[in-house]
């Protein structure tokens, strides 16, 4: 079953800030960051139980190439 990823307001605001930071550094960098996010979200949608559970109901996945972790519940 393919899940839907829904971001909380705080997460959306944080992602906008991070994207702006990377865009200021390099247009290529912000593109790579956004692509890494899409891969991360797709992995969560397709394989929600495949990633490490850090506490009951909460899992985490590391963002490829960037120093961020996405926490989610499914």
Protein backbone atom coordinates (compact mmCIF):
# COMPACT_ATOMS: atom_id res chain seq x y z
CA UNK A 1 0.00 0.00 0.00
CA UNK A 2 1.35 3.41 -0.98
CA UNK A 3 0.97 6.01 1.78
CA UNK A 4 0.43 9.74 1.47
CA UNK A 5 3.09 12.00 3.00
CA UNK A 6 1.60 14.93 4.91
CA UNK A 7 3.96 17.56 6.32
CA UNK A 8 3.11 19.47 9.47
CA UNK A 9 3.33 23.25 9.29
CA UNK A 10 6.60 23.35 11.25
CA UNK A 11 8.18 20.88 8.83
CA UNK A 12 7.04 22.86 5.78
CA UNK A 13 8.47 26.08 7.23
CA UNK A 14 11.76 24.35 8.05
CA UNK A 15 12.02 22.88 4.54
CA UNK A 16 11.43 26.32 3.01
CA UNK A 17 14.22 27.81 5.15
CA UNK A 18 16.62 25.00 4.27
CA UNK A 19 15.77 25.30 0.56
CA UNK A 20 16.39 29.05 0.66
CA UNK A 21 19.74 28.46 2.36
CA UNK A 22 20.82 25.97 -0.31
CA UNK A 23 19.46 28.16 -3.13
CA UNK A 24 21.64 31.03 -1.85
CA UNK A 25 24.64 28.69 -1.98
CA UNK A 26 23.93 27.22 -5.42
CA UNK A 27 20.94 26.55 -7.69
CA UNK A 28 22.31 23.04 -8.23
CA UNK A 29 22.48 22.45 -4.49
CA UNK A 30 18.82 23.34 -3.91
CA UNK A 31 17.85 21.07 -6.82
CA UNK A 32 19.82 18.17 -5.28
CA UNK A 33 18.27 18.84 -1.87
CA UNK A 34 14.74 18.81 -3.28
CA UNK A 35 15.48 15.66 -5.29
CA UNK A 36 16.82 13.96 -2.13
CA UNK A 37 13.61 14.92 -0.32
CA UNK A 38 11.48 13.43 -3.09
CA UNK A 39 13.45 10.16 -2.91
CA UNK A 40 13.05 10.15 0.87
CA UNK A 41 9.29 10.75 0.68
CA UNK A 42 8.88 8.12 -2.02
CA UNK A 43 10.74 5.58 0.15
CA UNK A 44 8.43 6.40 3.05
CA UNK A 45 5.36 6.02 0.81
CA UNK A 46 6.48 2.70 -0.63
CA UNK A 47 8.27 1.13 2.36
CA UNK A 48 6.92 2.79 5.52
CA UNK A 49 8.02 0.01 7.84
CA UNK A 50 11.50 -0.42 6.38
CA UNK A 51 13.22 2.26 8.44
CA UNK A 52 14.43 2.28 12.02
CA UNK A 53 11.84 2.79 14.74
CA UNK A 54 13.18 5.27 17.30
CA UNK A 55 10.19 5.10 19.63
CA UNK A 56 6.77 3.53 19.45
CA UNK A 57 5.17 4.59 16.19
CA UNK A 58 7.96 6.96 15.13
CA UNK A 59 10.54 6.01 12.51
CA UNK A 60 13.42 7.86 10.93
CA UNK A 61 15.11 8.00 7.57
CA UNK A 62 18.34 9.80 6.74
CA UNK A 63 18.28 12.21 3.84
CA UNK A 64 20.81 11.10 1.22
CA UNK A 65 23.77 13.49 0.74
CA UNK A 66 22.48 16.02 3.32
CA UNK A 67 22.80 16.19 7.12
CA UNK A 68 19.10 15.80 7.89
CA UNK A 69 16.85 13.12 9.30
CA UNK A 70 13.13 12.84 8.56
CA UNK A 71 11.01 11.51 11.41
CA UNK A 72 7.61 10.08 10.56
CA UNK A 73 4.83 7.85 11.75
CA UNK A 74 2.86 5.50 9.58
